[in-house]
Amino acid sequence: MGKRPEEGVGAISTDAIFFDFDGVLVESTNFKISAFEEIYRDSPPDRLARIMAYVRANEGIPRWDKIRHCHRTFLGIELDDRELSAWCERFRALVEDEVASCNWVPGAAEFLERHHLELPLFVVTGTPQEEILRILTRRKMSHYFVSVHGAPRRKPPIVKDLLDRHGFTPERTLFVGDARADYEAARVNGVRFVGRLLPGGSNGFPSDVPVISDLTSLTL
């Protein structure tokens, strides 16, 4: 689906916001795409191309799902749990320092600073739980969020649990994400969704989903 003109968010009645992390709060998406290309760089060129197409089309899901799928589908290799953990560790070693030090998405730091004392904010990410907690500590971001939730839990049940635990009304709760997986986690729980779409980027969201280029456009 092609990119459509950016839509304003405007006047959202919101009781809480769930944020994806990579590509929504910090500009880390390209580091993670490059890390997949690095760990699979010895693959035959045609298979590497298919791997990278899959990776780009499936942002927002846990890395071990992607790695297991890429090995099984494109390389014909079935990884056991020990092997999968080793590949995931290779990936982590390439990305964690980069994510901890990369730029903010424009407007993200200001938005969090402005709203975190008056509105419950949460992180819902495909990054492993312990890793995202370390990154938030290193970036001095932890205090902005009521709680932070990462893999191995999946985004849809995380969102449901947060709605139930805090008594949020889905229609008055917002998920801000940059991947189809984020949109689906919001959709199945009846939560409003706004997509972050890089200028010039491909828009994989349904046509009725409002999109913003960065968080300077997110207004409450």
N, C-alpha and C. Protein backbone atom coordinates (compact mmCIF):
# COMPACT_ATOMS: atom_id res chain seq x y z
N MET A 1 0.85 -1.19 0.00
CA MET A 1 0.00 0.00 0.00
C MET A 1 0.88 1.24 0.00
N GLY A 2 0.60 2.21 -0.82
CA GLY A 2 1.43 3.39 -0.91
C GLY A 2 1.17 4.35 0.24
N LYS A 3 2.07 5.29 0.36
CA LYS A 3 1.94 6.30 1.40
C LYS A 3 0.83 7.27 1.05
N ARG A 4 0.01 7.63 2.01
CA ARG A 4 -1.00 8.66 1.79
C ARG A 4 -0.59 9.90 2.58
N PRO A 5 -1.24 11.03 2.35
CA PRO A 5 -0.88 12.23 3.09
C PRO A 5 -1.04 12.03 4.59
N GLU A 6 -0.13 12.64 5.34
CA GLU A 6 -0.19 12.54 6.80
C GLU A 6 -1.47 13.15 7.32
N GLU A 7 -2.04 12.50 8.31
CA GLU A 7 -3.26 13.00 8.93
C GLU A 7 -2.94 13.54 10.31
N GLY A 8 -3.60 14.63 10.69
CA GLY A 8 -3.44 15.13 12.04
C GLY A 8 -4.13 14.21 13.04
N VAL A 9 -3.59 14.15 14.25
CA VAL A 9 -4.19 13.31 15.28
C VAL A 9 -5.29 14.10 15.96
N GLY A 10 -4.90 15.27 16.51
CA GLY A 10 -5.86 16.21 17.06
C GLY A 10 -6.79 15.69 18.13
N ALA A 11 -6.93 16.35 19.22
CA ALA A 11 -7.99 16.22 20.22
C ALA A 11 -8.39 14.78 20.51
N ILE A 12 -7.45 13.96 20.86
CA ILE A 12 -7.74 12.58 21.23
C ILE A 12 -8.09 12.53 22.70
N SER A 13 -9.28 12.02 23.03
CA SER A 13 -9.65 11.82 24.43
C SER A 13 -9.00 10.53 24.90
N THR A 14 -8.00 10.66 25.73
CA THR A 14 -7.14 9.52 26.02
C THR A 14 -6.91 9.38 27.51
N ASP A 15 -7.09 8.16 28.01
CA ASP A 15 -6.82 7.86 29.41
C ASP A 15 -5.44 7.25 29.63
N ALA A 16 -4.84 6.67 28.58
CA ALA A 16 -3.53 6.05 28.69
C ALA A 16 -2.96 5.88 27.29
N ILE A 17 -1.64 5.80 27.20
CA ILE A 17 -0.98 5.58 25.90
C ILE A 17 0.00 4.42 26.02
N PHE A 18 -0.08 3.50 25.06
CA PHE A 18 0.89 2.42 24.91
C PHE A 18 1.81 2.78 23.75
N PHE A 19 3.09 2.78 24.00
CA PHE A 19 4.07 3.08 22.96
C PHE A 19 4.86 1.83 22.59
N ASP A 20 4.97 1.55 21.30
CA ASP A 20 6.07 0.71 20.86
C ASP A 20 7.34 1.52 21.10
N PHE A 21 8.50 0.87 21.00
CA PHE A 21 9.75 1.57 21.32
C PHE A 21 10.56 1.91 20.08
N ASP A 22 11.07 0.89 19.39
CA ASP A 22 11.91 1.13 18.22
C ASP A 22 11.11 1.80 17.11
N GLY A 23 11.62 2.93 16.63
CA GLY A 23 10.95 3.62 15.55
C GLY A 23 9.79 4.48 15.97
N VAL A 24 9.46 4.47 17.26
CA VAL A 24 8.37 5.29 17.78
C VAL A 24 8.89 6.30 18.78
N LEU A 25 9.71 5.83 19.71
CA LEU A 25 10.34 6.73 20.67
C LEU A 25 11.79 7.03 20.33
N VAL A 26 12.49 6.07 19.76
CA VAL A 26 13.89 6.29 19.36
C VAL A 26 14.10 5.77 17.94
N GLU A 27 15.09 6.36 17.27
CA GLU A 27 15.33 6.05 15.86
C GLU A 27 16.28 4.85 15.74
N SER A 28 15.79 3.70 16.13
CA SER A 28 16.62 2.50 16.21
C SER A 28 16.28 1.44 15.18
N THR A 29 15.25 1.66 14.39
CA THR A 29 14.79 0.62 13.47
C THR A 29 15.87 0.20 12.48
N ASN A 30 16.56 1.16 11.92
CA ASN A 30 17.58 0.82 10.91
C ASN A 30 18.73 0.02 11.50
N PHE A 31 19.07 0.26 12.77
CA PHE A 31 20.13 -0.53 13.41
C PHE A 31 19.72 -1.99 13.47
N LYS A 32 18.46 -2.23 13.76
CA LYS A 32 18.01 -3.62 13.89
C LYS A 32 17.90 -4.29 12.53
N ILE A 33 17.48 -3.56 11.52
CA ILE A 33 17.46 -4.14 10.18
C ILE A 33 18.88 -4.48 9.74
N SER A 34 19.81 -3.56 9.99
CA SER A 34 21.21 -3.81 9.62
C SER A 34 21.79 -4.99 10.38
N ALA A 35 21.36 -5.19 11.62
CA ALA A 35 21.87 -6.32 12.41
C ALA A 35 21.42 -7.65 11.81
N PHE A 36 20.19 -7.71 11.30
CA PHE A 36 19.76 -8.94 10.62
C PHE A 36 20.60 -9.18 9.38
N GLU A 37 20.88 -8.13 8.64
CA GLU A 37 21.71 -8.29 7.45
C GLU A 37 23.11 -8.78 7.81
N GLU A 38 23.63 -8.32 8.95
CA GLU A 38 24.96 -8.73 9.38
C GLU A 38 24.98 -10.20 9.81
N ILE A 39 24.01 -10.64 10.59
CA ILE A 39 24.08 -12.02 11.08
C ILE A 39 23.81 -13.03 9.97
N TYR A 40 23.16 -12.59 8.89
CA TYR A 40 22.88 -13.49 7.77
C TYR A 40 23.75 -13.19 6.55
N ARG A 41 24.82 -12.42 6.72
CA ARG A 41 25.59 -11.95 5.56
C ARG A 41 26.28 -13.07 4.79
N ASP A 42 26.50 -14.24 5.41
CA ASP A 42 27.13 -15.35 4.72
C ASP A 42 26.14 -16.21 3.93
N SER A 43 24.88 -15.84 3.96
CA SER A 43 23.87 -16.59 3.21
C SER A 43 24.00 -16.29 1.72
N PRO A 44 23.58 -17.22 0.86
CA PRO A 44 23.58 -16.93 -0.59
C PRO A 44 22.79 -15.67 -0.88
N PRO A 45 23.21 -14.86 -1.83
CA PRO A 45 22.57 -13.56 -2.09
C PRO A 45 21.06 -13.62 -2.28
N ASP A 46 20.58 -14.64 -3.02
CA ASP A 46 19.15 -14.71 -3.25
C ASP A 46 18.39 -14.98 -1.97
N ARG A 47 18.99 -15.81 -1.09
CA ARG A 47 18.33 -16.11 0.18
C ARG A 47 18.42 -14.92 1.13
N LEU A 48 19.54 -14.22 1.11
CA LEU A 48 19.66 -13.03 1.94
C LEU A 48 18.62 -11.99 1.54
N ALA A 49 18.39 -11.85 0.25
CA ALA A 49 17.37 -10.90 -0.21
C ALA A 49 15.99 -11.27 0.32
N ARG A 50 15.68 -12.56 0.32
CA ARG A 50 14.38 -13.01 0.83
C ARG A 50 14.30 -12.82 2.34
N ILE A 51 15.40 -13.08 3.03
CA ILE A 51 15.44 -12.88 4.48
C ILE A 51 15.17 -11.42 4.81
N MET A 52 15.84 -10.51 4.12
CA MET A 52 15.69 -9.11 4.44
C MET A 52 14.30 -8.59 4.08
N ALA A 53 13.72 -9.11 3.01
CA ALA A 53 12.35 -8.73 2.67
C ALA A 53 11.39 -9.16 3.78
N TYR A 54 11.61 -10.36 4.32
CA TYR A 54 10.77 -10.85 5.41
C TYR A 54 10.96 -9.98 6.65
N VAL A 55 12.21 -9.67 6.99
CA VAL A 55 12.50 -8.87 8.18
C VAL A 55 11.81 -7.52 8.09
N ARG A 56 11.92 -6.86 6.95
CA ARG A 56 11.32 -5.54 6.81
C ARG A 56 9.79 -5.59 6.86
N ALA A 57 9.23 -6.70 6.42
CA ALA A 57 7.76 -6.83 6.42
C ALA A 57 7.21 -7.27 7.76
N ASN A 58 8.09 -7.63 8.69
CA ASN A 58 7.62 -8.19 9.96
C ASN A 58 8.26 -7.50 11.16
N GLU A 59 8.41 -6.20 11.05
CA GLU A 59 8.88 -5.44 12.19
C GLU A 59 7.86 -5.54 13.32
N GLY A 60 8.36 -5.46 14.53
CA GLY A 60 7.46 -5.44 15.68
C GLY A 60 7.23 -6.78 16.34
N ILE A 61 7.73 -7.87 15.73
CA ILE A 61 7.58 -9.18 16.38
C ILE A 61 8.93 -9.57 16.97
N PRO A 62 8.94 -10.44 17.98
CA PRO A 62 10.21 -10.77 18.65
C PRO A 62 11.25 -11.33 17.69
N ARG A 63 12.51 -11.02 17.98
CA ARG A 63 13.62 -11.41 17.11
C ARG A 63 13.74 -12.92 16.98
N TRP A 64 13.44 -13.66 18.07
CA TRP A 64 13.60 -15.12 17.96
C TRP A 64 12.58 -15.72 17.02
N ASP A 65 11.40 -15.12 16.91
CA ASP A 65 10.44 -15.59 15.92
C ASP A 65 10.98 -15.38 14.51
N LYS A 66 11.57 -14.21 14.28
CA LYS A 66 12.10 -13.92 12.95
C LYS A 66 13.29 -14.81 12.62
N ILE A 67 14.18 -14.98 13.58
CA ILE A 67 15.37 -15.79 13.33
C ILE A 67 14.99 -17.25 13.08
N ARG A 68 14.11 -17.78 13.91
CA ARG A 68 13.68 -19.16 13.70
C ARG A 68 13.02 -19.33 12.33
N HIS A 69 12.17 -18.37 11.96
CA HIS A 69 11.48 -18.44 10.67
C HIS A 69 12.48 -18.33 9.52
N CYS A 70 13.42 -17.41 9.62
CA CYS A 70 14.39 -17.23 8.53
C CYS A 70 15.24 -18.47 8.33
N HIS A 71 15.69 -19.06 9.41
CA HIS A 71 16.47 -20.30 9.29
C HIS A 71 15.64 -21.42 8.67
N ARG A 72 14.43 -21.59 9.17
CA ARG A 72 13.59 -22.70 8.72
C ARG A 72 13.14 -22.50 7.27
N THR A 73 12.68 -21.32 6.95
CA THR A 73 12.03 -21.09 5.66
C THR A 73 13.02 -20.81 4.54
N PHE A 74 14.06 -20.05 4.83
CA PHE A 74 14.96 -19.59 3.77
C PHE A 74 16.28 -20.36 3.72
N LEU A 75 16.66 -20.97 4.85
CA LEU A 75 17.92 -21.71 4.88
C LEU A 75 17.73 -23.21 5.08
N GLY A 76 16.49 -23.63 5.36
CA GLY A 76 16.22 -25.04 5.57
C GLY A 76 16.88 -25.61 6.80
N ILE A 77 17.03 -24.79 7.83
CA ILE A 77 17.69 -25.20 9.07
C ILE A 77 16.70 -25.06 10.22
N GLU A 78 16.56 -26.10 11.01
CA GLU A 78 15.70 -26.07 12.19
C GLU A 78 16.59 -25.86 13.41
N LEU A 79 16.48 -24.70 14.03
CA LEU A 79 17.31 -24.38 15.19
C LEU A 79 16.71 -24.99 16.45
N ASP A 80 17.57 -25.59 17.29
CA ASP A 80 17.09 -25.98 18.61
C ASP A 80 17.18 -24.76 19.52
N ASP A 81 16.69 -24.89 20.75
CA ASP A 81 16.61 -23.73 21.63
C ASP A 81 17.99 -23.15 21.94
N ARG A 82 18.99 -24.00 22.10
CA ARG A 82 20.34 -23.51 22.40
C ARG A 82 20.90 -22.72 21.22
N GLU A 83 20.71 -23.24 20.03
CA GLU A 83 21.20 -22.55 18.84
C GLU A 83 20.47 -21.23 18.63
N LEU A 84 19.16 -21.25 18.85
CA LEU A 84 18.38 -20.03 18.70
C LEU A 84 18.86 -18.96 19.68
N SER A 85 19.13 -19.37 20.92
CA SER A 85 19.62 -18.41 21.92
C SER A 85 20.94 -17.81 21.49
N ALA A 86 21.81 -18.61 20.89
CA ALA A 86 23.11 -18.11 20.44
C ALA A 86 22.94 -17.08 19.32
N TRP A 87 22.05 -17.35 18.38
CA TRP A 87 21.80 -16.39 17.30
C TRP A 87 21.19 -15.10 17.85
N CYS A 88 20.29 -15.22 18.80
CA CYS A 88 19.69 -14.03 19.41
C CYS A 88 20.73 -13.22 20.16
N GLU A 89 21.68 -13.89 20.78
CA GLU A 89 22.74 -13.17 21.49
C GLU A 89 23.63 -12.44 20.51
N ARG A 90 23.91 -13.04 19.36
CA ARG A 90 24.67 -12.33 18.33
C ARG A 90 23.95 -11.06 17.91
N PHE A 91 22.65 -11.18 17.75
CA PHE A 91 21.85 -10.02 17.36
C PHE A 91 21.90 -8.96 18.46
N ARG A 92 21.68 -9.36 19.70
CA ARG A 92 21.68 -8.40 20.81
C ARG A 92 22.99 -7.64 20.89
N ALA A 93 24.10 -8.37 20.73
CA ALA A 93 25.41 -7.73 20.83
C ALA A 93 25.60 -6.65 19.77
N LEU A 94 24.93 -6.77 18.65
CA LEU A 94 25.04 -5.77 17.59
C LEU A 94 24.16 -4.55 17.83
N VAL A 95 23.06 -4.71 18.58
CA VAL A 95 22.08 -3.63 18.63
C VAL A 95 21.97 -2.90 19.96
N GLU A 96 22.27 -3.55 21.07
CA GLU A 96 21.91 -2.94 22.35
C GLU A 96 22.58 -1.59 22.58
N ASP A 97 23.89 -1.51 22.35
CA ASP A 97 24.57 -0.23 22.56
C ASP A 97 24.06 0.83 21.60
N GLU A 98 23.78 0.43 20.37
CA GLU A 98 23.26 1.40 19.39
C GLU A 98 21.92 1.96 19.82
N VAL A 99 21.03 1.08 20.28
CA VAL A 99 19.69 1.53 20.69
C VAL A 99 19.78 2.41 21.94
N ALA A 100 20.72 2.09 22.81
CA ALA A 100 20.87 2.87 24.04
C ALA A 100 21.40 4.27 23.80
N SER A 101 21.99 4.51 22.63
CA SER A 101 22.62 5.81 22.39
C SER A 101 22.09 6.54 21.16
N CYS A 102 21.15 5.95 20.42
CA CYS A 102 20.70 6.57 19.18
C CYS A 102 19.79 7.77 19.45
N ASN A 103 19.46 8.48 18.40
CA ASN A 103 18.63 9.68 18.52
C ASN A 103 17.19 9.35 18.93
N TRP A 104 16.59 10.31 19.61
CA TRP A 104 15.15 10.25 19.84
C TRP A 104 14.41 10.45 18.51
N VAL A 105 13.23 9.87 18.41
CA VAL A 105 12.29 10.30 17.38
C VAL A 105 11.93 11.76 17.68
N PRO A 106 11.94 12.64 16.69
CA PRO A 106 11.61 14.04 16.97
C PRO A 106 10.28 14.17 17.72
N GLY A 107 10.33 14.95 18.80
CA GLY A 107 9.15 15.20 19.60
C GLY A 107 8.91 14.20 20.71
N ALA A 108 9.61 13.06 20.70
CA ALA A 108 9.32 12.02 21.68
C ALA A 108 9.72 12.44 23.08
N ALA A 109 10.93 12.93 23.25
CA ALA A 109 11.39 13.33 24.58
C ALA A 109 10.49 14.42 25.15
N GLU A 110 10.14 15.38 24.32
CA GLU A 110 9.28 16.48 24.77
C GLU A 110 7.89 15.98 25.14
N PHE A 111 7.36 15.04 24.34
CA PHE A 111 6.03 14.51 24.63
C PHE A 111 6.02 13.78 25.97
N LEU A 112 7.00 12.91 26.20
CA LEU A 112 7.07 12.16 27.45
C LEU A 112 7.22 13.09 28.64
N GLU A 113 8.10 14.08 28.50
CA GLU A 113 8.32 15.02 29.60
C GLU A 113 7.06 15.81 29.93
N ARG A 114 6.34 16.18 28.91
CA ARG A 114 5.15 17.01 29.09
C ARG A 114 3.99 16.24 29.69
N HIS A 115 3.88 14.94 29.37
CA HIS A 115 2.64 14.23 29.73
C HIS A 115 2.80 13.14 30.79
N HIS A 116 4.01 12.75 31.16
CA HIS A 116 4.13 11.55 31.99
C HIS A 116 3.57 11.72 33.40
N LEU A 117 3.45 12.93 33.89
CA LEU A 117 2.91 13.13 35.23
C LEU A 117 1.38 13.22 35.24
N GLU A 118 0.79 13.41 34.09
CA GLU A 118 -0.66 13.58 34.03
C GLU A 118 -1.39 12.46 33.32
N LEU A 119 -0.63 11.56 32.65
CA LEU A 119 -1.25 10.51 31.84
C LEU A 119 -0.42 9.23 31.97
N PRO A 120 -1.07 8.09 32.24
CA PRO A 120 -0.31 6.84 32.33
C PRO A 120 0.28 6.45 30.97
N LEU A 121 1.59 6.26 30.93
CA LEU A 121 2.30 5.89 29.72
C LEU A 121 2.96 4.53 29.92
N PHE A 122 2.97 3.71 28.87
CA PHE A 122 3.49 2.35 28.93
C PHE A 122 4.32 2.07 27.70
N VAL A 123 5.27 1.15 27.82
CA VAL A 123 6.00 0.63 26.67
C VAL A 123 5.55 -0.80 26.43
N VAL A 124 5.19 -1.09 25.16
CA VAL A 124 4.82 -2.44 24.74
C VAL A 124 5.66 -2.75 23.51
N THR A 125 6.66 -3.62 23.65
CA THR A 125 7.67 -3.79 22.61
C THR A 125 7.99 -5.26 22.38
N GLY A 126 8.54 -5.54 21.21
CA GLY A 126 9.02 -6.89 20.91
C GLY A 126 10.43 -7.13 21.39
N THR A 127 11.11 -6.12 21.92
CA THR A 127 12.44 -6.28 22.48
C THR A 127 12.35 -7.12 23.75
N PRO A 128 13.31 -8.02 24.00
CA PRO A 128 13.27 -8.82 25.23
C PRO A 128 13.17 -7.96 26.48
N GLN A 129 12.44 -8.45 27.46
CA GLN A 129 12.13 -7.68 28.65
C GLN A 129 13.37 -7.14 29.36
N GLU A 130 14.32 -7.98 29.66
CA GLU A 130 15.50 -7.52 30.40
C GLU A 130 16.30 -6.51 29.58
N GLU A 131 16.34 -6.71 28.29
CA GLU A 131 17.09 -5.81 27.42
C GLU A 131 16.44 -4.43 27.37
N ILE A 132 15.13 -4.37 27.22
CA ILE A 132 14.48 -3.07 27.14
C ILE A 132 14.60 -2.32 28.46
N LEU A 133 14.57 -3.05 29.57
CA LEU A 133 14.75 -2.39 30.87
C LEU A 133 16.15 -1.79 31.00
N ARG A 134 17.15 -2.52 30.53
CA ARG A 134 18.52 -1.98 30.56
C ARG A 134 18.62 -0.73 29.69
N ILE A 135 18.03 -0.81 28.50
CA ILE A 135 18.12 0.32 27.58
C ILE A 135 17.43 1.56 28.15
N LEU A 136 16.26 1.38 28.73
CA LEU A 136 15.56 2.52 29.31
C LEU A 136 16.35 3.13 30.45
N THR A 137 17.00 2.28 31.25
CA THR A 137 17.85 2.79 32.34
C THR A 137 19.02 3.58 31.79
N ARG A 138 19.66 3.05 30.77
CA ARG A 138 20.81 3.73 30.18
C ARG A 138 20.41 5.06 29.55
N ARG A 139 19.22 5.11 28.98
CA ARG A 139 18.75 6.34 28.35
C ARG A 139 18.06 7.28 29.33
N LYS A 140 17.98 6.86 30.60
CA LYS A 140 17.31 7.66 31.65
C LYS A 140 15.87 7.97 31.26
N MET A 141 15.17 6.93 30.80
CA MET A 141 13.78 7.07 30.38
C MET A 141 12.79 6.35 31.30
N SER A 142 13.28 5.53 32.20
CA SER A 142 12.39 4.63 32.95
C SER A 142 11.30 5.38 33.70
N HIS A 143 11.60 6.55 34.21
CA HIS A 143 10.65 7.26 35.06
C HIS A 143 9.43 7.77 34.30
N TYR A 144 9.47 7.74 32.99
CA TYR A 144 8.33 8.22 32.22
C TYR A 144 7.18 7.22 32.19
N PHE A 145 7.43 5.95 32.52
CA PHE A 145 6.45 4.90 32.26
C PHE A 145 5.94 4.23 33.53
N VAL A 146 4.64 3.97 33.54
CA VAL A 146 4.05 3.21 34.64
C VAL A 146 4.63 1.80 34.66
N SER A 147 4.74 1.18 33.49
CA SER A 147 5.37 -0.14 33.38
C SER A 147 5.85 -0.35 31.95
N VAL A 148 6.74 -1.32 31.81
CA VAL A 148 7.39 -1.62 30.54
C VAL A 148 7.25 -3.10 30.27
N HIS A 149 6.86 -3.47 29.05
CA HIS A 149 6.54 -4.86 28.74
C HIS A 149 7.18 -5.28 27.42
N GLY A 150 8.01 -6.32 27.49
CA GLY A 150 8.69 -6.82 26.31
C GLY A 150 8.50 -8.30 26.12
N ALA A 151 9.22 -8.84 25.12
CA ALA A 151 9.17 -10.27 24.82
C ALA A 151 9.80 -11.05 25.98
N PRO A 152 9.39 -12.32 26.19
CA PRO A 152 8.70 -13.16 25.21
C PRO A 152 7.18 -13.01 25.16
N ARG A 153 6.59 -12.19 26.02
CA ARG A 153 5.15 -12.01 25.92
C ARG A 153 4.80 -11.31 24.62
N ARG A 154 3.64 -11.64 24.07
CA ARG A 154 3.17 -11.07 22.82
C ARG A 154 2.39 -9.79 23.08
N LYS A 155 2.38 -8.92 22.11
CA LYS A 155 1.75 -7.62 22.29
C LYS A 155 0.25 -7.69 22.53
N PRO A 156 -0.52 -8.50 21.79
CA PRO A 156 -1.97 -8.51 22.06
C PRO A 156 -2.34 -8.86 23.50
N PRO A 157 -1.79 -9.94 24.09
CA PRO A 157 -2.14 -10.21 25.49
C PRO A 157 -1.59 -9.19 26.47
N ILE A 158 -0.45 -8.57 26.15
CA ILE A 158 0.05 -7.50 27.02
C ILE A 158 -0.95 -6.36 27.06
N VAL A 159 -1.43 -5.95 25.90
CA VAL A 159 -2.40 -4.86 25.84
C VAL A 159 -3.67 -5.23 26.60
N LYS A 160 -4.17 -6.45 26.41
CA LYS A 160 -5.37 -6.88 27.12
C LYS A 160 -5.17 -6.85 28.63
N ASP A 161 -4.03 -7.36 29.08
CA ASP A 161 -3.76 -7.38 30.52
C ASP A 161 -3.69 -5.97 31.09
N LEU A 162 -3.09 -5.04 30.35
CA LEU A 162 -3.01 -3.67 30.85
C LEU A 162 -4.39 -3.02 30.91
N LEU A 163 -5.21 -3.26 29.91
CA LEU A 163 -6.57 -2.74 29.94
C LEU A 163 -7.33 -3.28 31.15
N ASP A 164 -7.23 -4.58 31.37
CA ASP A 164 -7.95 -5.21 32.48
C ASP A 164 -7.41 -4.76 33.83
N ARG A 165 -6.10 -4.73 33.96
CA ARG A 165 -5.47 -4.43 35.24
C ARG A 165 -5.74 -3.00 35.69
N HIS A 166 -5.72 -2.08 34.74
CA HIS A 166 -5.88 -0.68 35.10
C HIS A 166 -7.30 -0.15 34.87
N GLY A 167 -8.17 -0.97 34.29
CA GLY A 167 -9.53 -0.55 34.05
C GLY A 167 -9.68 0.50 32.97
N PHE A 168 -8.74 0.52 32.02
CA PHE A 168 -8.84 1.49 30.92
C PHE A 168 -9.93 1.09 29.95
N THR A 169 -10.67 2.07 29.44
CA THR A 169 -11.63 1.84 28.38
C THR A 169 -10.88 1.78 27.05
N PRO A 170 -11.01 0.70 26.29
CA PRO A 170 -10.22 0.59 25.06
C PRO A 170 -10.35 1.79 24.14
N GLU A 171 -11.58 2.31 23.99
CA GLU A 171 -11.80 3.42 23.06
C GLU A 171 -11.13 4.71 23.52
N ARG A 172 -10.75 4.77 24.79
CA ARG A 172 -10.08 5.95 25.33
C ARG A 172 -8.61 5.68 25.61
N THR A 173 -8.11 4.60 25.03
CA THR A 173 -6.70 4.23 25.16
C THR A 173 -6.09 4.26 23.77
N LEU A 174 -4.84 4.70 23.69
CA LEU A 174 -4.17 4.88 22.41
C LEU A 174 -2.90 4.03 22.35
N PHE A 175 -2.68 3.38 21.22
CA PHE A 175 -1.42 2.68 20.94
C PHE A 175 -0.73 3.44 19.80
N VAL A 176 0.52 3.81 20.02
CA VAL A 176 1.32 4.47 18.99
C VAL A 176 2.40 3.48 18.56
N GLY A 177 2.36 3.08 17.30
CA GLY A 177 3.31 2.08 16.81
C GLY A 177 3.72 2.36 15.38
N ASP A 178 4.73 1.62 14.94
CA ASP A 178 5.21 1.83 13.56
C ASP A 178 5.15 0.56 12.73
N ALA A 179 4.53 -0.49 13.24
CA ALA A 179 4.53 -1.78 12.54
C ALA A 179 3.12 -2.36 12.52
N ARG A 180 2.90 -3.24 11.56
CA ARG A 180 1.59 -3.89 11.46
C ARG A 180 1.29 -4.68 12.74
N ALA A 181 2.33 -5.26 13.36
CA ALA A 181 2.12 -6.00 14.61
C ALA A 181 1.55 -5.10 15.71
N ASP A 182 1.96 -3.83 15.73
CA ASP A 182 1.42 -2.88 16.70
C ASP A 182 -0.05 -2.60 16.41
N TYR A 183 -0.33 -2.37 15.14
CA TYR A 183 -1.72 -2.12 14.75
C TYR A 183 -2.62 -3.29 15.13
N GLU A 184 -2.17 -4.52 14.86
CA GLU A 184 -2.99 -5.69 15.17
C GLU A 184 -3.20 -5.83 16.67
N ALA A 185 -2.17 -5.54 17.48
CA ALA A 185 -2.33 -5.61 18.94
C ALA A 185 -3.39 -4.64 19.43
N ALA A 186 -3.43 -3.46 18.81
CA ALA A 186 -4.45 -2.49 19.16
C ALA A 186 -5.82 -2.93 18.65
N ARG A 187 -5.88 -3.37 17.40
CA ARG A 187 -7.16 -3.70 16.78
C ARG A 187 -7.89 -4.80 17.53
N VAL A 188 -7.20 -5.88 17.87
CA VAL A 188 -7.89 -7.01 18.51
C VAL A 188 -8.39 -6.66 19.90
N ASN A 189 -7.86 -5.59 20.48
CA ASN A 189 -8.30 -5.17 21.81
C ASN A 189 -9.20 -3.94 21.78
N GLY A 190 -9.55 -3.48 20.58
CA GLY A 190 -10.43 -2.32 20.46
C GLY A 190 -9.79 -1.01 20.85
N VAL A 191 -8.46 -0.95 20.83
CA VAL A 191 -7.73 0.25 21.23
C VAL A 191 -7.49 1.12 20.01
N ARG A 192 -7.55 2.43 20.19
CA ARG A 192 -7.27 3.36 19.10
C ARG A 192 -5.79 3.26 18.72
N PHE A 193 -5.49 3.53 17.46
CA PHE A 193 -4.13 3.37 16.97
C PHE A 193 -3.72 4.55 16.11
N VAL A 194 -2.49 4.98 16.30
CA VAL A 194 -1.85 5.96 15.43
C VAL A 194 -0.53 5.36 14.96
N GLY A 195 -0.29 5.40 13.65
CA GLY A 195 0.93 4.84 13.11
C GLY A 195 2.00 5.90 12.89
N ARG A 196 3.22 5.58 13.32
CA ARG A 196 4.36 6.44 12.98
C ARG A 196 4.91 5.97 11.65
N LEU A 197 4.97 6.88 10.70
CA LEU A 197 5.42 6.55 9.35
C LEU A 197 6.54 7.50 8.96
N LEU A 198 7.72 6.96 8.71
CA LEU A 198 8.83 7.80 8.28
C LEU A 198 8.50 8.50 6.97
N PRO A 199 8.91 9.76 6.84
CA PRO A 199 8.68 10.45 5.56
C PRO A 199 9.27 9.65 4.40
N GLY A 200 8.44 9.40 3.40
CA GLY A 200 8.88 8.62 2.26
C GLY A 200 8.81 7.13 2.46
N GLY A 201 8.42 6.70 3.66
CA GLY A 201 8.35 5.27 3.94
C GLY A 201 7.10 4.64 3.36
N SER A 202 7.13 3.33 3.23
CA SER A 202 5.98 2.59 2.72
C SER A 202 4.94 2.44 3.82
N ASN A 203 3.70 2.67 3.48
CA ASN A 203 2.61 2.62 4.45
C ASN A 203 1.91 1.27 4.37
N GLY A 204 2.10 0.45 5.39
CA GLY A 204 1.45 -0.85 5.43
C GLY A 204 0.20 -0.89 6.27
N PHE A 205 -0.28 0.27 6.72
CA PHE A 205 -1.47 0.32 7.55
C PHE A 205 -2.73 0.45 6.70
N PRO A 206 -3.89 0.01 7.23
CA PRO A 206 -5.14 0.22 6.51
C PRO A 206 -5.37 1.71 6.23
N SER A 207 -6.19 1.98 5.23
CA SER A 207 -6.35 3.35 4.75
C SER A 207 -7.00 4.28 5.76
N ASP A 208 -7.71 3.74 6.76
CA ASP A 208 -8.37 4.60 7.74
C ASP A 208 -7.52 4.87 8.97
N VAL A 209 -6.28 4.38 9.00
CA VAL A 209 -5.41 4.57 10.16
C VAL A 209 -4.69 5.92 10.04
N PRO A 210 -4.83 6.80 11.04
CA PRO A 210 -4.08 8.06 11.00
C PRO A 210 -2.60 7.80 11.18
N VAL A 211 -1.77 8.54 10.45
CA VAL A 211 -0.33 8.38 10.56
C VAL A 211 0.32 9.73 10.85
N ILE A 212 1.45 9.67 11.54
CA ILE A 212 2.24 10.85 11.86
C ILE A 212 3.68 10.58 11.46
N SER A 213 4.41 11.63 11.13
CA SER A 213 5.81 11.44 10.73
C SER A 213 6.73 11.39 11.94
N ASP A 214 6.31 11.97 13.06
CA ASP A 214 7.09 11.91 14.30
C ASP A 214 6.16 12.36 15.43
N LEU A 215 6.69 12.43 16.64
CA LEU A 215 5.81 12.72 17.77
C LEU A 215 5.54 14.20 17.99
N THR A 216 6.13 15.06 17.16
CA THR A 216 5.72 16.46 17.22
C THR A 216 4.27 16.63 16.75
N SER A 217 3.77 15.63 15.99
CA SER A 217 2.41 15.69 15.47
C SER A 217 1.38 15.04 16.40
N LEU A 218 1.85 14.43 17.48
CA LEU A 218 0.93 13.76 18.40
C LEU A 218 0.46 14.75 19.45
N THR A 219 -0.81 15.15 19.36
CA THR A 219 -1.37 16.11 20.28
C THR A 219 -2.54 15.51 21.01
N LEU A 220 -2.72 15.92 22.26
CA LEU A 220 -3.82 15.39 23.08
C LEU A 220 -4.78 16.51 23.45
